[in-house]
N, C-alpha and C. Protein backbone atom coordinates (compact mmCIF):
# COMPACT_ATOMS: atom_id res chain seq x y z
N MET A 1 -27.13 -1.67 -139.25
CA MET A 1 -25.99 -1.79 -138.37
C MET A 1 -25.81 -0.47 -137.59
N ARG A 2 -25.47 -0.59 -136.35
CA ARG A 2 -25.31 0.58 -135.48
C ARG A 2 -23.93 1.21 -135.67
N SER A 3 -23.88 2.51 -135.46
CA SER A 3 -22.60 3.21 -135.53
C SER A 3 -21.78 2.89 -134.28
N ALA A 4 -20.50 3.21 -134.33
CA ALA A 4 -19.62 2.98 -133.17
C ALA A 4 -20.11 3.78 -131.97
N LYS A 5 -20.64 4.97 -132.22
CA LYS A 5 -21.15 5.82 -131.13
C LYS A 5 -22.37 5.18 -130.47
N GLU A 6 -23.28 4.63 -131.29
CA GLU A 6 -24.47 3.96 -130.75
C GLU A 6 -24.06 2.70 -129.97
N TYR A 7 -23.12 1.95 -130.52
CA TYR A 7 -22.63 0.74 -129.87
C TYR A 7 -22.07 1.06 -128.49
N LYS A 8 -21.26 2.12 -128.41
CA LYS A 8 -20.66 2.53 -127.14
C LYS A 8 -21.74 2.99 -126.16
N ALA A 9 -22.73 3.73 -126.63
CA ALA A 9 -23.82 4.21 -125.76
C ALA A 9 -24.61 3.04 -125.19
N ILE A 10 -24.87 2.03 -126.00
CA ILE A 10 -25.60 0.85 -125.53
C ILE A 10 -24.78 0.12 -124.47
N ARG A 11 -23.49 -0.05 -124.72
CA ARG A 11 -22.63 -0.72 -123.74
C ARG A 11 -22.61 0.03 -122.42
N GLU A 12 -22.53 1.35 -122.48
CA GLU A 12 -22.52 2.14 -121.25
C GLU A 12 -23.84 2.00 -120.51
N GLU A 13 -24.95 1.95 -121.25
CA GLU A 13 -26.25 1.78 -120.61
C GLU A 13 -26.37 0.40 -119.97
N ILE A 14 -25.89 -0.62 -120.65
CA ILE A 14 -25.88 -1.98 -120.09
C ILE A 14 -25.05 -2.01 -118.81
N TYR A 15 -23.87 -1.43 -118.86
CA TYR A 15 -22.95 -1.40 -117.71
C TYR A 15 -23.61 -0.71 -116.51
N ARG A 16 -24.20 0.45 -116.74
CA ARG A 16 -24.86 1.18 -115.65
C ARG A 16 -26.04 0.39 -115.09
N PHE A 17 -26.82 -0.24 -115.97
CA PHE A 17 -27.96 -1.02 -115.51
C PHE A 17 -27.50 -2.20 -114.65
N ILE A 18 -26.48 -2.90 -115.10
CA ILE A 18 -25.96 -4.04 -114.33
C ILE A 18 -25.49 -3.58 -112.96
N GLY A 19 -24.73 -2.50 -112.91
CA GLY A 19 -24.24 -1.98 -111.63
C GLY A 19 -25.36 -1.61 -110.68
N ALA A 20 -26.36 -0.90 -111.19
CA ALA A 20 -27.50 -0.49 -110.36
C ALA A 20 -28.29 -1.70 -109.89
N TYR A 21 -28.48 -2.67 -110.78
CA TYR A 21 -29.25 -3.87 -110.45
C TYR A 21 -28.55 -4.68 -109.36
N ILE A 22 -27.25 -4.87 -109.52
CA ILE A 22 -26.48 -5.63 -108.52
C ILE A 22 -26.50 -4.91 -107.18
N THR A 23 -26.37 -3.60 -107.20
CA THR A 23 -26.42 -2.82 -105.96
C THR A 23 -27.75 -3.03 -105.24
N LYS A 24 -28.83 -3.07 -105.99
CA LYS A 24 -30.16 -3.22 -105.39
C LYS A 24 -30.47 -4.65 -104.98
N HIS A 25 -30.12 -5.62 -105.83
CA HIS A 25 -30.56 -7.01 -105.61
C HIS A 25 -29.46 -7.95 -105.11
N VAL A 26 -28.22 -7.55 -105.16
CA VAL A 26 -27.05 -8.34 -104.75
C VAL A 26 -26.77 -9.53 -105.68
N TYR A 27 -27.38 -9.54 -106.84
CA TYR A 27 -27.07 -10.53 -107.87
C TYR A 27 -27.30 -9.88 -109.22
N ALA A 28 -26.75 -10.46 -110.26
CA ALA A 28 -26.82 -9.87 -111.59
C ALA A 28 -28.20 -10.03 -112.22
N PRO A 29 -28.55 -9.12 -113.11
CA PRO A 29 -29.81 -9.26 -113.84
C PRO A 29 -29.70 -10.34 -114.91
N SER A 30 -30.83 -10.84 -115.33
CA SER A 30 -30.85 -11.79 -116.45
C SER A 30 -30.68 -11.02 -117.76
N ASN A 31 -30.34 -11.73 -118.81
CA ASN A 31 -30.23 -11.09 -120.12
C ASN A 31 -31.56 -10.46 -120.52
N LYS A 32 -32.66 -11.12 -120.20
CA LYS A 32 -33.98 -10.60 -120.53
C LYS A 32 -34.23 -9.28 -119.80
N GLU A 33 -33.87 -9.22 -118.53
CA GLU A 33 -34.05 -7.98 -117.76
C GLU A 33 -33.21 -6.84 -118.34
N ILE A 34 -31.99 -7.16 -118.74
CA ILE A 34 -31.14 -6.14 -119.36
C ILE A 34 -31.76 -5.68 -120.68
N ALA A 35 -32.20 -6.63 -121.49
CA ALA A 35 -32.80 -6.29 -122.79
C ALA A 35 -34.01 -5.38 -122.62
N GLU A 36 -34.88 -5.71 -121.67
CA GLU A 36 -36.08 -4.90 -121.44
C GLU A 36 -35.71 -3.50 -120.93
N ALA A 37 -34.74 -3.41 -120.05
CA ALA A 37 -34.35 -2.12 -119.48
C ALA A 37 -33.69 -1.21 -120.51
N VAL A 38 -32.89 -1.80 -121.38
CA VAL A 38 -32.13 -1.01 -122.35
C VAL A 38 -32.90 -0.83 -123.67
N GLY A 39 -33.87 -1.72 -123.92
CA GLY A 39 -34.66 -1.61 -125.14
C GLY A 39 -34.00 -2.23 -126.36
N ILE A 40 -33.31 -3.35 -126.13
CA ILE A 40 -32.66 -4.07 -127.22
C ILE A 40 -33.01 -5.55 -127.11
N SER A 41 -32.64 -6.32 -128.13
CA SER A 41 -32.96 -7.75 -128.11
C SER A 41 -32.02 -8.52 -127.19
N GLY A 42 -32.47 -9.70 -126.79
CA GLY A 42 -31.64 -10.56 -125.95
C GLY A 42 -30.36 -10.98 -126.66
N THR A 43 -30.44 -11.17 -127.97
CA THR A 43 -29.26 -11.53 -128.75
C THR A 43 -28.23 -10.41 -128.72
N THR A 44 -28.71 -9.18 -128.83
CA THR A 44 -27.81 -8.02 -128.77
C THR A 44 -27.18 -7.90 -127.39
N VAL A 45 -27.97 -8.13 -126.35
CA VAL A 45 -27.42 -8.11 -124.98
C VAL A 45 -26.32 -9.15 -124.87
N HIS A 46 -26.59 -10.36 -125.32
CA HIS A 46 -25.61 -11.44 -125.23
C HIS A 46 -24.30 -11.05 -125.92
N ARG A 47 -24.42 -10.49 -127.12
CA ARG A 47 -23.22 -10.08 -127.86
C ARG A 47 -22.41 -9.04 -127.10
N HIS A 48 -23.11 -8.05 -126.54
CA HIS A 48 -22.42 -7.01 -125.76
C HIS A 48 -21.76 -7.59 -124.51
N LEU A 49 -22.45 -8.49 -123.82
CA LEU A 49 -21.88 -9.09 -122.61
C LEU A 49 -20.62 -9.88 -122.93
N ILE A 50 -20.67 -10.66 -124.00
CA ILE A 50 -19.49 -11.43 -124.41
C ILE A 50 -18.32 -10.49 -124.72
N ASP A 51 -18.60 -9.42 -125.46
CA ASP A 51 -17.55 -8.44 -125.78
C ASP A 51 -16.99 -7.81 -124.51
N MET A 52 -17.86 -7.47 -123.57
CA MET A 52 -17.42 -6.81 -122.34
C MET A 52 -16.62 -7.77 -121.46
N ILE A 53 -16.96 -9.04 -121.48
CA ILE A 53 -16.19 -10.05 -120.75
C ILE A 53 -14.82 -10.22 -121.41
N ASP A 54 -14.81 -10.32 -122.74
CA ASP A 54 -13.54 -10.47 -123.48
C ASP A 54 -12.61 -9.29 -123.24
N GLU A 55 -13.17 -8.10 -123.06
CA GLU A 55 -12.36 -6.89 -122.85
C GLU A 55 -12.02 -6.65 -121.38
N GLY A 56 -12.52 -7.51 -120.49
CA GLY A 56 -12.20 -7.39 -119.07
C GLY A 56 -13.03 -6.38 -118.31
N ILE A 57 -14.10 -5.87 -118.92
CA ILE A 57 -14.98 -4.91 -118.25
C ILE A 57 -15.89 -5.65 -117.27
N LEU A 58 -16.40 -6.79 -117.71
CA LEU A 58 -17.20 -7.67 -116.86
C LEU A 58 -16.42 -8.97 -116.70
N GLU A 59 -16.81 -9.76 -115.72
CA GLU A 59 -16.18 -11.06 -115.55
C GLU A 59 -17.21 -12.08 -115.10
N THR A 60 -16.86 -13.33 -115.34
CA THR A 60 -17.69 -14.45 -114.92
C THR A 60 -16.78 -15.66 -114.78
N ASP A 61 -17.15 -16.56 -113.90
CA ASP A 61 -16.42 -17.82 -113.82
C ASP A 61 -17.37 -18.98 -114.09
N ALA A 62 -18.52 -18.66 -114.65
CA ALA A 62 -19.53 -19.67 -114.95
C ALA A 62 -19.37 -20.15 -116.39
N GLU A 63 -20.05 -21.24 -116.69
CA GLU A 63 -20.08 -21.76 -118.05
C GLU A 63 -20.82 -20.76 -118.94
N PRO A 64 -20.45 -20.66 -120.21
CA PRO A 64 -21.16 -19.75 -121.11
C PRO A 64 -22.67 -20.03 -121.11
N GLY A 65 -23.45 -18.97 -121.06
CA GLY A 65 -24.90 -19.09 -121.08
C GLY A 65 -25.54 -19.17 -119.70
N THR A 66 -24.75 -19.29 -118.65
CA THR A 66 -25.29 -19.34 -117.30
C THR A 66 -25.89 -17.99 -116.94
N GLN A 67 -27.12 -17.99 -116.46
CA GLN A 67 -27.80 -16.75 -116.11
C GLN A 67 -27.28 -16.18 -114.80
N ARG A 68 -27.31 -14.87 -114.70
CA ARG A 68 -26.99 -14.13 -113.47
C ARG A 68 -25.60 -14.43 -112.92
N ALA A 69 -24.65 -14.72 -113.81
CA ALA A 69 -23.31 -15.09 -113.35
C ALA A 69 -22.26 -14.04 -113.69
N ILE A 70 -22.71 -12.87 -114.16
CA ILE A 70 -21.75 -11.82 -114.49
C ILE A 70 -21.55 -10.88 -113.31
N ARG A 71 -20.42 -10.22 -113.31
CA ARG A 71 -20.16 -9.20 -112.30
C ARG A 71 -19.25 -8.15 -112.91
N ILE A 72 -19.29 -6.99 -112.33
CA ILE A 72 -18.43 -5.91 -112.79
C ILE A 72 -17.04 -6.16 -112.22
N ARG A 73 -16.06 -6.11 -113.07
CA ARG A 73 -14.69 -6.42 -112.67
C ARG A 73 -14.21 -5.51 -111.54
N ASN A 74 -13.46 -6.09 -110.62
CA ASN A 74 -12.85 -5.37 -109.50
C ASN A 74 -13.86 -4.73 -108.56
N THR A 75 -15.01 -5.34 -108.42
CA THR A 75 -15.99 -4.86 -107.44
C THR A 75 -16.39 -6.02 -106.56
N GLN A 76 -16.90 -5.67 -105.41
CA GLN A 76 -17.37 -6.67 -104.47
C GLN A 76 -18.70 -6.18 -103.91
N VAL A 77 -19.67 -7.07 -103.88
CA VAL A 77 -20.98 -6.72 -103.35
C VAL A 77 -21.02 -7.13 -101.89
N VAL A 78 -21.41 -6.20 -101.05
CA VAL A 78 -21.54 -6.47 -99.63
C VAL A 78 -22.97 -6.17 -99.25
N LYS A 79 -23.64 -7.15 -98.71
CA LYS A 79 -25.02 -6.96 -98.30
C LYS A 79 -25.04 -6.32 -96.92
N ARG A 80 -25.75 -5.21 -96.81
CA ARG A 80 -25.83 -4.50 -95.53
C ARG A 80 -26.96 -5.07 -94.68
N ARG A 81 -26.71 -5.07 -93.39
CA ARG A 81 -27.76 -5.49 -92.45
C ARG A 81 -28.60 -4.28 -92.10
N LYS A 82 -29.88 -4.51 -91.93
CA LYS A 82 -30.77 -3.43 -91.52
C LYS A 82 -30.60 -3.20 -90.03
N LYS A 83 -30.74 -1.95 -89.62
CA LYS A 83 -30.65 -1.63 -88.21
C LYS A 83 -31.84 -2.20 -87.46
N SER A 84 -31.58 -2.71 -86.30
CA SER A 84 -32.67 -3.21 -85.45
C SER A 84 -33.38 -2.02 -84.83
N GLU A 85 -34.68 -2.16 -84.72
CA GLU A 85 -35.44 -1.05 -84.12
C GLU A 85 -35.78 -1.33 -82.69
């Protein structure tokens, strides 16, 4: 079992990865992508995501288990247009 400090560090890493991924791709990463990036199992990712949603850190309006349906609370993604040359 992980210590509270390890648990918090993993959550922070998941949060940062999700934010960076959404910024780059304009949609959320899959649980598998999060697991691979953070180096934890998909089950552990799922547990952390559920906890973060319950605590209001992340949000979703999708059915449980829907992929790529999470977002960071109180943020909005705006896709930028490339400048014409």
